[in-house]
């Protein structure tokens, strides 16, 4: 989780990623941020995030993003 929080902070500083559960809903992350985040996650965690997985439910909180990463790692 620490790696993910570091990535999120580098993409958009100043958001309470540990507690925020509305990253998409409250526009803390926009579409360009999401694209950057997906690329960083794929590099850092050695996973491929399919386009169908790029939905608000998977990116609204650091916890949901980490759950997505874990699930993708387990599927590979």
C-alpha atoms as a PDB file:
ATOM      1  CA  UNK A   1       0.000   0.000   0.000  1.00  0.00           C
ATOM      2  CA  UNK A   2       2.898   2.370   0.726  1.00  0.00           C
ATOM      3  CA  UNK A   3       4.070   2.129  -2.908  1.00  0.00           C
ATOM      4  CA  UNK A   4       0.565   2.955  -4.135  1.00  0.00           C
ATOM      5  CA  UNK A   5       0.252   5.952  -1.811  1.00  0.00           C
ATOM      6  CA  UNK A   6       3.597   7.249  -3.079  1.00  0.00           C
ATOM      7  CA  UNK A   7       2.397   6.928  -6.687  1.00  0.00           C
ATOM      8  CA  UNK A   8      -0.881   8.688  -5.913  1.00  0.00           C
ATOM      9  CA  UNK A   9       0.910  11.513  -4.093  1.00  0.00           C
ATOM     10  CA  UNK A  10       3.284  11.992  -7.045  1.00  0.00           C
ATOM     11  CA  UNK A  11       0.376  12.234  -9.488  1.00  0.00           C
ATOM     12  CA  UNK A  12      -1.753  14.612  -7.418  1.00  0.00           C
ATOM     13  CA  UNK A  13      -0.268  15.869  -4.143  1.00  0.00           C
ATOM     14  CA  UNK A  14      -2.276  17.118  -1.212  1.00  0.00           C
ATOM     15  CA  UNK A  15      -5.104  14.570  -1.115  1.00  0.00           C
ATOM     16  CA  UNK A  16      -5.709  12.413   1.972  1.00  0.00           C
ATOM     17  CA  UNK A  17      -5.415   9.150   0.043  1.00  0.00           C
ATOM     18  CA  UNK A  18      -5.431   7.005   3.171  1.00  0.00           C
ATOM     19  CA  UNK A  19      -8.924   8.143   4.162  1.00  0.00           C
ATOM     20  CA  UNK A  20     -10.601   9.448   1.004  1.00  0.00           C
ATOM     21  CA  UNK A  21     -13.204   7.119  -0.520  1.00  0.00           C
ATOM     22  CA  UNK A  22     -14.409   9.534  -3.209  1.00  0.00           C
ATOM     23  CA  UNK A  23     -11.320  10.093  -5.362  1.00  0.00           C
ATOM     24  CA  UNK A  24     -13.322   9.895  -8.576  1.00  0.00           C
ATOM     25  CA  UNK A  25     -16.708  11.116  -7.326  1.00  0.00           C
ATOM     26  CA  UNK A  26     -15.224  14.337  -5.930  1.00  0.00           C
ATOM     27  CA  UNK A  27     -12.863  14.794  -8.900  1.00  0.00           C
ATOM     28  CA  UNK A  28      -9.634  14.442  -6.931  1.00  0.00           C
ATOM     29  CA  UNK A  29      -8.479  12.276  -9.846  1.00  0.00           C
ATOM     30  CA  UNK A  30      -9.436  13.245 -13.384  1.00  0.00           C
ATOM     31  CA  UNK A  31      -9.132  11.199 -16.561  1.00  0.00           C
ATOM     32  CA  UNK A  32      -5.521  12.209 -17.216  1.00  0.00           C
ATOM     33  CA  UNK A  33      -4.587  11.378 -13.626  1.00  0.00           C
ATOM     34  CA  UNK A  34      -6.205   7.970 -14.008  1.00  0.00           C
ATOM     35  CA  UNK A  35      -4.237   7.267 -17.187  1.00  0.00           C
ATOM     36  CA  UNK A  36      -0.999   8.228 -15.433  1.00  0.00           C
ATOM     37  CA  UNK A  37      -1.975   6.156 -12.414  1.00  0.00           C
ATOM     38  CA  UNK A  38      -2.735   3.079 -14.515  1.00  0.00           C
ATOM     39  CA  UNK A  39       0.645   3.335 -16.269  1.00  0.00           C
ATOM     40  CA  UNK A  40       2.497   3.757 -12.956  1.00  0.00           C
ATOM     41  CA  UNK A  41       0.622   0.847 -11.343  1.00  0.00           C
ATOM     42  CA  UNK A  42       1.332  -1.427 -14.294  1.00  0.00           C
ATOM     43  CA  UNK A  43       5.050  -0.613 -14.104  1.00  0.00           C
ATOM     44  CA  UNK A  44       5.374  -0.753 -10.321  1.00  0.00           C
ATOM     45  CA  UNK A  45       3.246  -3.831  -9.629  1.00  0.00           C
ATOM     46  CA  UNK A  46       3.875  -5.746 -12.882  1.00  0.00           C
ATOM     47  CA  UNK A  47       0.185  -6.101 -13.755  1.00  0.00           C
ATOM     48  CA  UNK A  48      -1.941  -5.218 -16.759  1.00  0.00           C
ATOM     49  CA  UNK A  49      -5.127  -3.329 -15.979  1.00  0.00           C
ATOM     50  CA  UNK A  50      -7.729  -4.181 -18.619  1.00  0.00           C
ATOM     51  CA  UNK A  51      -9.828  -1.295 -19.920  1.00  0.00           C
ATOM     52  CA  UNK A  52     -12.986  -2.885 -18.475  1.00  0.00           C
ATOM     53  CA  UNK A  53     -11.456  -2.537 -14.986  1.00  0.00           C
ATOM     54  CA  UNK A  54     -10.993   1.236 -15.307  1.00  0.00           C
ATOM     55  CA  UNK A  55     -14.256   2.131 -13.581  1.00  0.00           C
ATOM     56  CA  UNK A  56     -14.971   4.471 -10.647  1.00  0.00           C
ATOM     57  CA  UNK A  57     -15.611   1.590  -8.238  1.00  0.00           C
ATOM     58  CA  UNK A  58     -12.008   0.400  -8.705  1.00  0.00           C
ATOM     59  CA  UNK A  59     -10.449   3.864  -8.329  1.00  0.00           C
ATOM     60  CA  UNK A  60     -12.528   5.719  -5.709  1.00  0.00           C
ATOM     61  CA  UNK A  61     -10.118   4.933  -2.864  1.00  0.00           C
ATOM     62  CA  UNK A  62      -6.573   3.728  -2.320  1.00  0.00           C
ATOM     63  CA  UNK A  63      -8.039   0.598  -0.752  1.00  0.00           C
ATOM     64  CA  UNK A  64     -10.148  -0.198  -3.830  1.00  0.00           C
ATOM     65  CA  UNK A  65      -7.133   0.409  -6.088  1.00  0.00           C
ATOM     66  CA  UNK A  66      -5.013  -1.904  -3.930  1.00  0.00           C
ATOM     67  CA  UNK A  67      -7.757  -4.553  -4.035  1.00  0.00           C
ATOM     68  CA  UNK A  68      -7.739  -4.319  -7.841  1.00  0.00           C
ATOM     69  CA  UNK A  69      -3.948  -4.703  -7.944  1.00  0.00           C
ATOM     70  CA  UNK A  70      -4.047  -7.706  -5.607  1.00  0.00           C
ATOM     71  CA  UNK A  71      -6.799  -9.373  -7.627  1.00  0.00           C
ATOM     72  CA  UNK A  72      -4.930  -8.845 -10.890  1.00  0.00           C
ATOM     73  CA  UNK A  73      -1.714 -10.228  -9.390  1.00  0.00           C
ATOM     74  CA  UNK A  74      -3.558 -13.323  -8.186  1.00  0.00           C
ATOM     75  CA  UNK A  75      -5.139 -13.886 -11.612  1.00  0.00           C
ATOM     76  CA  UNK A  76      -1.765 -13.890 -13.400  1.00  0.00           C
END
